[in-house]
Each structure stands twice: as structure tokens, then as C-alpha cells.
Amino acid sequence: MNTCIDMLRHTRRHLLSILEDLSMDQLNDTPSGFNNNIVWNVSHMIASQQGVCYKRAGVPLIIPESFFMEYKPDTRPERYIDANEFQQTKETFLSSLDVLERDYNNNLFKNYIPWTTRYGVPLANIDETLQFLVFHEGLHFGYVMALRHLV
């Protein structure tokens, strides 16, 4: 499943590269018709990866619980994120995949609890979950691209 993690890593790097020319105001802007902004989507991708991989396996999160709660599914942007905080988020965006890969290789997710996503996709183990994450992050990549054209 390292192939899935490699795909996620490549996609996340590409996403960050296309955001480089945007201001913090643009990254925090929630255009009319949208429920969230670019910063929220990037942060949500981290929180979702942590929730579906770590929480579902009964493994402690590698991010603060407060970050998870702020960006888990069914949340919306609550505040303006400054450049320093977004820099930390971008670092976590990439480093969390390195930790995920290490933890996967160390078999930390052996007690994964099966569940069904809101999209009706049953996930029985971490391998299926990593495949799902490629889809999920592609979905949010698309949202970010749409937002980027509007801000």
C-alpha cells in the first residue's frame, strides 16, 4: 500500500505548489455557494486521514485533538488562519504521510475496525482505507481547484 501513500504524497505536493501564489486572504476566502475555503480543505485532508486511519484502528492521532475537531467532516471554517499557522499546516500536510507510511510498515493498524463511508464504500482494513483516501483527497483537490479560480 505504499503505492497509495506515494500517490497521496505526490498529489499533496502538487496541491501545495499550485497554492504558492495565493495570499492568506485568498486562502481564507469562502466564495458564495461554497461551505469552506482552501485552508479548510487542506486541513480537512489531514484530519480525515488521521480519523479514517488512526482513530478507526484505535491508534492515537499524530495531530492535536483540537485540530482534528476543527477540521473533521461536517465542520466549516470558523476563523481566519494566518501565514504562520498555515505554514505549520503545510508541513503537517506532508510529514503526516511520512508518519503514516512508517506506522503502516510497522503494522500499527492491525486492529482496524471496519466501517462504511458516507459515500457507501465499505472499508474492512487499512489497505482499503488507503485506497479510499486517494479518492477522498482527489475530491478535495477538485474543490481546491474550483476555489482557486474564484478567489
N, C-alpha and C. Protein backbone atom coordinates (compact mmCIF):
# COMPACT_ATOMS: atom_id res chain seq x y z
N MET A 1 0.81 -1.20 0.00
CA MET A 1 0.00 0.00 0.00
C MET A 1 0.85 1.27 0.00
N ASN A 2 2.14 1.10 0.01
CA ASN A 2 3.00 2.28 -0.09
C ASN A 2 2.76 3.03 -1.39
N THR A 3 2.23 2.33 -2.42
CA THR A 3 1.89 2.99 -3.68
C THR A 3 0.81 4.05 -3.44
N CYS A 4 -0.19 3.73 -2.64
CA CYS A 4 -1.23 4.71 -2.32
C CYS A 4 -0.64 5.89 -1.57
N ILE A 5 0.22 5.62 -0.62
CA ILE A 5 0.84 6.71 0.14
C ILE A 5 1.69 7.56 -0.78
N ASP A 6 2.40 6.94 -1.71
CA ASP A 6 3.18 7.70 -2.69
C ASP A 6 2.29 8.58 -3.55
N MET A 7 1.12 8.06 -3.96
CA MET A 7 0.17 8.87 -4.74
C MET A 7 -0.33 10.05 -3.92
N LEU A 8 -0.65 9.80 -2.67
CA LEU A 8 -1.11 10.89 -1.80
C LEU A 8 -0.01 11.94 -1.64
N ARG A 9 1.21 11.49 -1.45
CA ARG A 9 2.34 12.40 -1.29
C ARG A 9 2.52 13.27 -2.54
N HIS A 10 2.48 12.64 -3.69
CA HIS A 10 2.64 13.37 -4.95
C HIS A 10 1.51 14.40 -5.13
N THR A 11 0.29 13.98 -4.87
CA THR A 11 -0.87 14.87 -5.01
C THR A 11 -0.79 16.03 -4.04
N ARG A 12 -0.40 15.76 -2.80
CA ARG A 12 -0.30 16.84 -1.81
C ARG A 12 0.80 17.84 -2.18
N ARG A 13 1.93 17.34 -2.65
CA ARG A 13 2.99 18.25 -3.08
C ARG A 13 2.53 19.12 -4.24
N HIS A 14 1.84 18.52 -5.19
CA HIS A 14 1.34 19.28 -6.33
C HIS A 14 0.32 20.32 -5.88
N LEU A 15 -0.55 19.93 -4.99
CA LEU A 15 -1.55 20.87 -4.48
C LEU A 15 -0.87 22.07 -3.83
N LEU A 16 0.11 21.83 -2.99
CA LEU A 16 0.81 22.95 -2.35
C LEU A 16 1.50 23.84 -3.37
N SER A 17 2.02 23.26 -4.41
CA SER A 17 2.72 24.06 -5.42
C SER A 17 1.77 25.01 -6.16
N ILE A 18 0.53 24.60 -6.34
CA ILE A 18 -0.41 25.48 -7.05
C ILE A 18 -1.03 26.53 -6.14
N LEU A 19 -0.75 26.44 -4.85
CA LEU A 19 -1.25 27.43 -3.91
C LEU A 19 -0.23 28.51 -3.58
N GLU A 20 1.00 28.33 -4.03
CA GLU A 20 2.09 29.22 -3.64
C GLU A 20 1.84 30.69 -3.94
N ASP A 21 1.13 31.00 -5.02
CA ASP A 21 0.95 32.39 -5.42
C ASP A 21 -0.29 33.04 -4.80
N LEU A 22 -0.99 32.33 -3.93
CA LEU A 22 -2.20 32.89 -3.32
C LEU A 22 -1.88 33.56 -1.98
N SER A 23 -2.57 34.64 -1.71
CA SER A 23 -2.41 35.34 -0.43
C SER A 23 -3.21 34.63 0.66
N MET A 24 -2.94 34.98 1.89
CA MET A 24 -3.70 34.40 3.00
C MET A 24 -5.17 34.79 2.92
N ASP A 25 -5.45 36.00 2.44
CA ASP A 25 -6.85 36.39 2.26
C ASP A 25 -7.53 35.49 1.24
N GLN A 26 -6.84 35.17 0.16
CA GLN A 26 -7.41 34.28 -0.85
C GLN A 26 -7.59 32.87 -0.29
N LEU A 27 -6.61 32.40 0.45
CA LEU A 27 -6.68 31.05 1.02
C LEU A 27 -7.80 30.91 2.05
N ASN A 28 -8.14 32.01 2.71
CA ASN A 28 -9.20 32.02 3.73
C ASN A 28 -10.57 32.39 3.18
N ASP A 29 -10.64 32.82 1.94
CA ASP A 29 -11.90 33.28 1.36
C ASP A 29 -12.84 32.11 1.08
N THR A 30 -14.09 32.25 1.52
CA THR A 30 -15.13 31.28 1.21
C THR A 30 -16.09 31.92 0.22
N PRO A 31 -15.95 31.59 -1.08
CA PRO A 31 -16.80 32.22 -2.09
C PRO A 31 -18.27 31.85 -1.90
N SER A 32 -19.13 32.68 -2.43
CA SER A 32 -20.56 32.43 -2.40
C SER A 32 -20.84 31.08 -3.06
N GLY A 33 -21.67 30.30 -2.43
CA GLY A 33 -22.01 28.99 -2.96
C GLY A 33 -21.16 27.86 -2.41
N PHE A 34 -20.11 28.21 -1.66
CA PHE A 34 -19.24 27.20 -1.07
C PHE A 34 -19.39 27.22 0.45
N ASN A 35 -19.14 26.08 1.09
CA ASN A 35 -19.22 25.97 2.54
C ASN A 35 -17.87 26.12 3.22
N ASN A 36 -16.81 26.15 2.42
CA ASN A 36 -15.49 26.19 3.03
C ASN A 36 -14.50 26.89 2.11
N ASN A 37 -13.24 26.91 2.52
CA ASN A 37 -12.20 27.61 1.77
C ASN A 37 -11.00 26.69 1.53
N ILE A 38 -9.98 27.23 0.93
CA ILE A 38 -8.81 26.42 0.59
C ILE A 38 -8.09 25.94 1.85
N VAL A 39 -7.89 26.82 2.82
CA VAL A 39 -7.22 26.43 4.05
C VAL A 39 -7.99 25.29 4.72
N TRP A 40 -9.29 25.41 4.78
CA TRP A 40 -10.10 24.36 5.41
C TRP A 40 -9.91 23.03 4.68
N ASN A 41 -9.93 23.03 3.35
CA ASN A 41 -9.78 21.79 2.59
C ASN A 41 -8.45 21.12 2.84
N VAL A 42 -7.37 21.89 2.86
CA VAL A 42 -6.05 21.32 3.14
C VAL A 42 -6.04 20.72 4.54
N SER A 43 -6.54 21.46 5.50
CA SER A 43 -6.56 20.98 6.88
C SER A 43 -7.48 19.78 7.04
N HIS A 44 -8.60 19.79 6.34
CA HIS A 44 -9.55 18.68 6.39
C HIS A 44 -8.92 17.39 5.86
N MET A 45 -8.09 17.50 4.85
CA MET A 45 -7.44 16.32 4.30
C MET A 45 -6.54 15.67 5.36
N ILE A 46 -5.89 16.49 6.16
CA ILE A 46 -5.06 15.96 7.26
C ILE A 46 -5.96 15.29 8.29
N ALA A 47 -6.99 16.01 8.73
CA ALA A 47 -7.88 15.49 9.77
C ALA A 47 -8.57 14.20 9.33
N SER A 48 -9.00 14.16 8.09
CA SER A 48 -9.68 12.96 7.59
C SER A 48 -8.74 11.77 7.56
N GLN A 49 -7.54 11.99 7.08
CA GLN A 49 -6.55 10.91 7.03
C GLN A 49 -6.29 10.37 8.44
N GLN A 50 -6.20 11.27 9.40
CA GLN A 50 -5.99 10.85 10.78
C GLN A 50 -7.19 10.07 11.32
N GLY A 51 -8.38 10.56 11.02
CA GLY A 51 -9.59 9.90 11.52
C GLY A 51 -9.79 8.52 10.93
N VAL A 52 -9.71 8.42 9.61
CA VAL A 52 -10.01 7.13 8.98
C VAL A 52 -8.89 6.11 9.15
N CYS A 53 -7.68 6.56 9.36
CA CYS A 53 -6.56 5.62 9.57
C CYS A 53 -6.34 5.34 11.05
N TYR A 54 -6.08 6.38 11.82
CA TYR A 54 -5.67 6.21 13.21
C TYR A 54 -6.85 5.94 14.14
N LYS A 55 -7.85 6.81 14.12
CA LYS A 55 -8.98 6.62 15.04
C LYS A 55 -9.66 5.27 14.80
N ARG A 56 -9.85 4.91 13.53
CA ARG A 56 -10.53 3.66 13.21
C ARG A 56 -9.73 2.42 13.63
N ALA A 57 -8.45 2.59 13.82
CA ALA A 57 -7.61 1.47 14.26
C ALA A 57 -7.31 1.54 15.75
N GLY A 58 -7.88 2.53 16.43
CA GLY A 58 -7.63 2.67 17.86
C GLY A 58 -6.21 3.12 18.18
N VAL A 59 -5.60 3.83 17.22
CA VAL A 59 -4.23 4.32 17.38
C VAL A 59 -4.30 5.83 17.65
N PRO A 60 -3.52 6.36 18.60
CA PRO A 60 -3.57 7.80 18.88
C PRO A 60 -3.23 8.64 17.64
N LEU A 61 -3.94 9.75 17.52
CA LEU A 61 -3.68 10.70 16.44
C LEU A 61 -2.28 11.28 16.58
N ILE A 62 -1.70 11.68 15.45
CA ILE A 62 -0.41 12.36 15.49
C ILE A 62 -0.58 13.88 15.41
N ILE A 63 -1.82 14.32 15.36
CA ILE A 63 -2.15 15.75 15.37
C ILE A 63 -2.91 16.04 16.67
N PRO A 64 -2.93 17.31 17.09
CA PRO A 64 -3.73 17.63 18.28
C PRO A 64 -5.21 17.34 18.06
N GLU A 65 -5.85 16.87 19.08
CA GLU A 65 -7.30 16.59 19.02
C GLU A 65 -8.07 17.83 18.60
N SER A 66 -7.61 19.01 19.06
CA SER A 66 -8.29 20.26 18.70
C SER A 66 -8.25 20.51 17.19
N PHE A 67 -7.14 20.18 16.54
CA PHE A 67 -7.03 20.32 15.08
C PHE A 67 -8.01 19.35 14.41
N PHE A 68 -8.04 18.12 14.89
CA PHE A 68 -8.96 17.14 14.34
C PHE A 68 -10.40 17.63 14.46
N MET A 69 -10.78 18.11 15.61
CA MET A 69 -12.16 18.56 15.84
C MET A 69 -12.52 19.75 14.97
N GLU A 70 -11.55 20.63 14.72
CA GLU A 70 -11.83 21.82 13.91
C GLU A 70 -12.02 21.51 12.43
N TYR A 71 -11.42 20.41 11.95
CA TYR A 71 -11.43 20.12 10.51
C TYR A 71 -12.01 18.76 10.15
N LYS A 72 -12.63 18.08 11.09
CA LYS A 72 -13.24 16.80 10.78
C LYS A 72 -14.45 17.01 9.85
N PRO A 73 -15.00 15.92 9.29
CA PRO A 73 -16.18 16.07 8.43
C PRO A 73 -17.30 16.84 9.13
N ASP A 74 -18.06 17.55 8.33
CA ASP A 74 -19.21 18.33 8.79
C ASP A 74 -18.84 19.57 9.59
N THR A 75 -17.60 20.04 9.44
CA THR A 75 -17.21 21.32 10.03
C THR A 75 -17.07 22.35 8.93
N ARG A 76 -16.95 23.60 9.32
CA ARG A 76 -16.75 24.71 8.39
C ARG A 76 -15.68 25.63 8.95
N PRO A 77 -15.12 26.47 8.11
CA PRO A 77 -14.13 27.42 8.63
C PRO A 77 -14.74 28.29 9.72
N GLU A 78 -14.04 28.37 10.84
CA GLU A 78 -14.54 29.13 11.99
C GLU A 78 -13.76 30.42 12.22
N ARG A 79 -12.54 30.50 11.62
CA ARG A 79 -11.69 31.65 11.91
C ARG A 79 -10.69 31.85 10.78
N TYR A 80 -10.03 32.99 10.82
CA TYR A 80 -9.00 33.33 9.85
C TYR A 80 -7.71 32.63 10.26
N ILE A 81 -7.07 31.97 9.31
CA ILE A 81 -5.80 31.28 9.55
C ILE A 81 -4.68 32.18 9.03
N ASP A 82 -3.71 32.50 9.88
CA ASP A 82 -2.61 33.37 9.46
C ASP A 82 -1.50 32.56 8.79
N ALA A 83 -0.52 33.26 8.25
CA ALA A 83 0.55 32.64 7.48
C ALA A 83 1.37 31.66 8.31
N ASN A 84 1.62 31.99 9.57
CA ASN A 84 2.40 31.08 10.43
C ASN A 84 1.67 29.77 10.66
N GLU A 85 0.39 29.87 10.96
CA GLU A 85 -0.38 28.65 11.19
C GLU A 85 -0.51 27.83 9.91
N PHE A 86 -0.69 28.51 8.79
CA PHE A 86 -0.80 27.77 7.53
C PHE A 86 0.52 27.11 7.16
N GLN A 87 1.63 27.73 7.50
CA GLN A 87 2.94 27.11 7.25
C GLN A 87 3.06 25.81 8.04
N GLN A 88 2.63 25.83 9.28
CA GLN A 88 2.65 24.61 10.09
C GLN A 88 1.73 23.54 9.49
N THR A 89 0.57 23.99 9.00
CA THR A 89 -0.37 23.06 8.37
C THR A 89 0.25 22.42 7.14
N LYS A 90 0.92 23.22 6.32
CA LYS A 90 1.55 22.68 5.11
C LYS A 90 2.64 21.66 5.47
N GLU A 91 3.38 21.94 6.52
CA GLU A 91 4.41 20.98 6.96
C GLU A 91 3.77 19.68 7.42
N THR A 92 2.69 19.77 8.18
CA THR A 92 1.98 18.59 8.64
C THR A 92 1.32 17.86 7.47
N PHE A 93 0.86 18.60 6.49
CA PHE A 93 0.24 18.04 5.29
C PHE A 93 1.18 17.01 4.64
N LEU A 94 2.47 17.31 4.63
CA LEU A 94 3.44 16.39 4.03
C LEU A 94 3.99 15.40 5.05
N SER A 95 4.37 15.88 6.23
CA SER A 95 5.01 14.99 7.21
C SER A 95 4.07 13.92 7.74
N SER A 96 2.76 14.20 7.78
CA SER A 96 1.82 13.19 8.28
C SER A 96 1.82 11.95 7.40
N LEU A 97 2.14 12.11 6.13
CA LEU A 97 2.21 10.94 5.24
C LEU A 97 3.47 10.11 5.52
N ASP A 98 4.54 10.78 5.89
CA ASP A 98 5.76 10.05 6.27
C ASP A 98 5.51 9.21 7.51
N VAL A 99 4.82 9.78 8.47
CA VAL A 99 4.49 9.06 9.70
C VAL A 99 3.51 7.93 9.39
N LEU A 100 2.52 8.20 8.54
CA LEU A 100 1.57 7.16 8.15
C LEU A 100 2.29 5.99 7.50
N GLU A 101 3.22 6.27 6.62
CA GLU A 101 3.97 5.21 5.95
C GLU A 101 4.77 4.39 6.96
N ARG A 102 5.43 5.06 7.88
CA ARG A 102 6.19 4.36 8.92
C ARG A 102 5.27 3.49 9.77
N ASP A 103 4.14 4.07 10.18
CA ASP A 103 3.21 3.33 11.03
C ASP A 103 2.59 2.15 10.27
N TYR A 104 2.30 2.34 9.00
CA TYR A 104 1.79 1.25 8.17
C TYR A 104 2.83 0.12 8.10
N ASN A 105 4.06 0.49 7.81
CA ASN A 105 5.12 -0.52 7.70
C ASN A 105 5.39 -1.23 9.03
N ASN A 106 5.08 -0.56 10.13
CA ASN A 106 5.24 -1.17 11.46
C ASN A 106 3.98 -1.88 11.94
N ASN A 107 3.00 -2.01 11.05
CA ASN A 107 1.76 -2.77 11.31
C ASN A 107 0.94 -2.21 12.48
N LEU A 108 0.95 -0.89 12.63
CA LEU A 108 0.19 -0.26 13.72
C LEU A 108 -1.32 -0.35 13.53
N PHE A 109 -1.77 -0.61 12.32
CA PHE A 109 -3.20 -0.57 12.03
C PHE A 109 -3.83 -1.97 11.98
N LYS A 110 -3.21 -2.92 12.66
CA LYS A 110 -3.68 -4.31 12.60
C LYS A 110 -5.05 -4.51 13.24
N ASN A 111 -5.46 -3.61 14.12
CA ASN A 111 -6.77 -3.75 14.79
C ASN A 111 -7.82 -2.82 14.17
N TYR A 112 -7.73 -2.63 12.88
CA TYR A 112 -8.63 -1.72 12.18
C TYR A 112 -10.08 -2.16 12.33
N ILE A 113 -10.96 -1.22 12.63
CA ILE A 113 -12.38 -1.50 12.81
C ILE A 113 -13.11 -1.20 11.50
N PRO A 114 -13.71 -2.21 10.86
CA PRO A 114 -14.42 -1.98 9.59
C PRO A 114 -15.57 -1.00 9.76
N TRP A 115 -15.86 -0.27 8.70
CA TRP A 115 -16.94 0.72 8.69
C TRP A 115 -17.31 1.03 7.25
N THR A 116 -18.36 1.80 7.07
CA THR A 116 -18.80 2.21 5.74
C THR A 116 -18.79 3.73 5.69
N THR A 117 -18.17 4.27 4.64
CA THR A 117 -18.06 5.72 4.50
C THR A 117 -19.41 6.34 4.17
N ARG A 118 -19.48 7.65 4.24
CA ARG A 118 -20.70 8.37 3.88
C ARG A 118 -21.03 8.21 2.40
N TYR A 119 -20.06 7.75 1.62
CA TYR A 119 -20.25 7.52 0.19
C TYR A 119 -20.71 6.08 -0.08
N GLY A 120 -20.94 5.31 0.97
CA GLY A 120 -21.39 3.93 0.83
C GLY A 120 -20.28 2.94 0.56
N VAL A 121 -19.03 3.35 0.76
CA VAL A 121 -17.89 2.47 0.50
C VAL A 121 -17.53 1.73 1.78
N PRO A 122 -17.65 0.39 1.77
CA PRO A 122 -17.24 -0.37 2.96
C PRO A 122 -15.71 -0.49 3.01
N LEU A 123 -15.15 -0.24 4.17
CA LEU A 123 -13.70 -0.33 4.36
C LEU A 123 -13.43 -1.33 5.47
N ALA A 124 -12.78 -2.42 5.13
CA ALA A 124 -12.57 -3.50 6.08
C ALA A 124 -11.21 -3.44 6.78
N ASN A 125 -10.25 -2.70 6.18
CA ASN A 125 -8.91 -2.70 6.73
C ASN A 125 -8.15 -1.46 6.26
N ILE A 126 -6.93 -1.31 6.72
CA ILE A 126 -6.14 -0.13 6.39
C ILE A 126 -5.81 -0.07 4.90
N ASP A 127 -5.63 -1.21 4.26
CA ASP A 127 -5.32 -1.20 2.83
C ASP A 127 -6.47 -0.60 2.02
N GLU A 128 -7.68 -1.02 2.31
CA GLU A 128 -8.85 -0.45 1.63
C GLU A 128 -9.00 1.03 1.97
N THR A 129 -8.68 1.38 3.19
CA THR A 129 -8.78 2.78 3.61
C THR A 129 -7.79 3.66 2.85
N LEU A 130 -6.57 3.19 2.65
CA LEU A 130 -5.60 3.98 1.88
C LEU A 130 -6.07 4.17 0.45
N GLN A 131 -6.70 3.16 -0.13
CA GLN A 131 -7.25 3.31 -1.47
C GLN A 131 -8.37 4.36 -1.46
N PHE A 132 -9.20 4.32 -0.44
CA PHE A 132 -10.27 5.31 -0.31
C PHE A 132 -9.71 6.72 -0.16
N LEU A 133 -8.62 6.86 0.59
CA LEU A 133 -8.02 8.18 0.80
C LEU A 133 -7.58 8.81 -0.53
N VAL A 134 -7.10 8.01 -1.47
CA VAL A 134 -6.72 8.55 -2.78
C VAL A 134 -7.94 9.19 -3.43
N PHE A 135 -9.10 8.53 -3.36
CA PHE A 135 -10.35 9.10 -3.88
C PHE A 135 -10.73 10.36 -3.11
N HIS A 136 -10.73 10.28 -1.78
CA HIS A 136 -11.17 11.39 -0.95
C HIS A 136 -10.31 12.64 -1.19
N GLU A 137 -9.00 12.44 -1.25
CA GLU A 137 -8.13 13.60 -1.45
C GLU A 137 -8.25 14.14 -2.87
N GLY A 138 -8.55 13.27 -3.84
CA GLY A 138 -8.82 13.75 -5.19
C GLY A 138 -10.06 14.62 -5.23
N LEU A 139 -11.07 14.24 -4.47
CA LEU A 139 -12.29 15.02 -4.37
C LEU A 139 -11.99 16.43 -3.82
N HIS A 140 -11.22 16.49 -2.76
CA HIS A 140 -10.90 17.78 -2.17
C HIS A 140 -9.89 18.57 -3.01
N PHE A 141 -9.06 17.88 -3.74
CA PHE A 141 -8.18 18.55 -4.70
C PHE A 141 -9.05 19.30 -5.72
N GLY A 142 -10.10 18.66 -6.18
CA GLY A 142 -11.03 19.30 -7.11
C GLY A 142 -11.71 20.51 -6.51
N TYR A 143 -12.13 20.41 -5.25
CA TYR A 143 -12.73 21.56 -4.57
C TYR A 143 -11.73 22.72 -4.50
N VAL A 144 -10.49 22.40 -4.15
CA VAL A 144 -9.47 23.45 -4.06
C VAL A 144 -9.25 24.10 -5.42
N MET A 145 -9.23 23.32 -6.47
CA MET A 145 -9.05 23.89 -7.81
C MET A 145 -10.21 24.83 -8.16
N ALA A 146 -11.42 24.43 -7.83
CA ALA A 146 -12.58 25.29 -8.08
C ALA A 146 -12.48 26.57 -7.27
N LEU A 147 -12.13 26.44 -6.00
CA LEU A 147 -11.99 27.62 -5.13
C LEU A 147 -10.88 28.54 -5.63
N ARG A 148 -9.79 27.96 -6.08
CA ARG A 148 -8.65 28.75 -6.56
C ARG A 148 -9.06 29.66 -7.71
N HIS A 149 -9.95 29.20 -8.55
CA HIS A 149 -10.39 30.00 -9.70
C HIS A 149 -11.34 31.12 -9.28
N LEU A 150 -11.89 31.04 -8.08
CA LEU A 150 -12.88 32.03 -7.64
C LEU A 150 -12.33 33.07 -6.68
N VAL A 151 -11.17 32.80 -6.09
CA VAL A 151 -10.66 33.73 -5.07
C VAL A 151 -9.72 34.78 -5.63
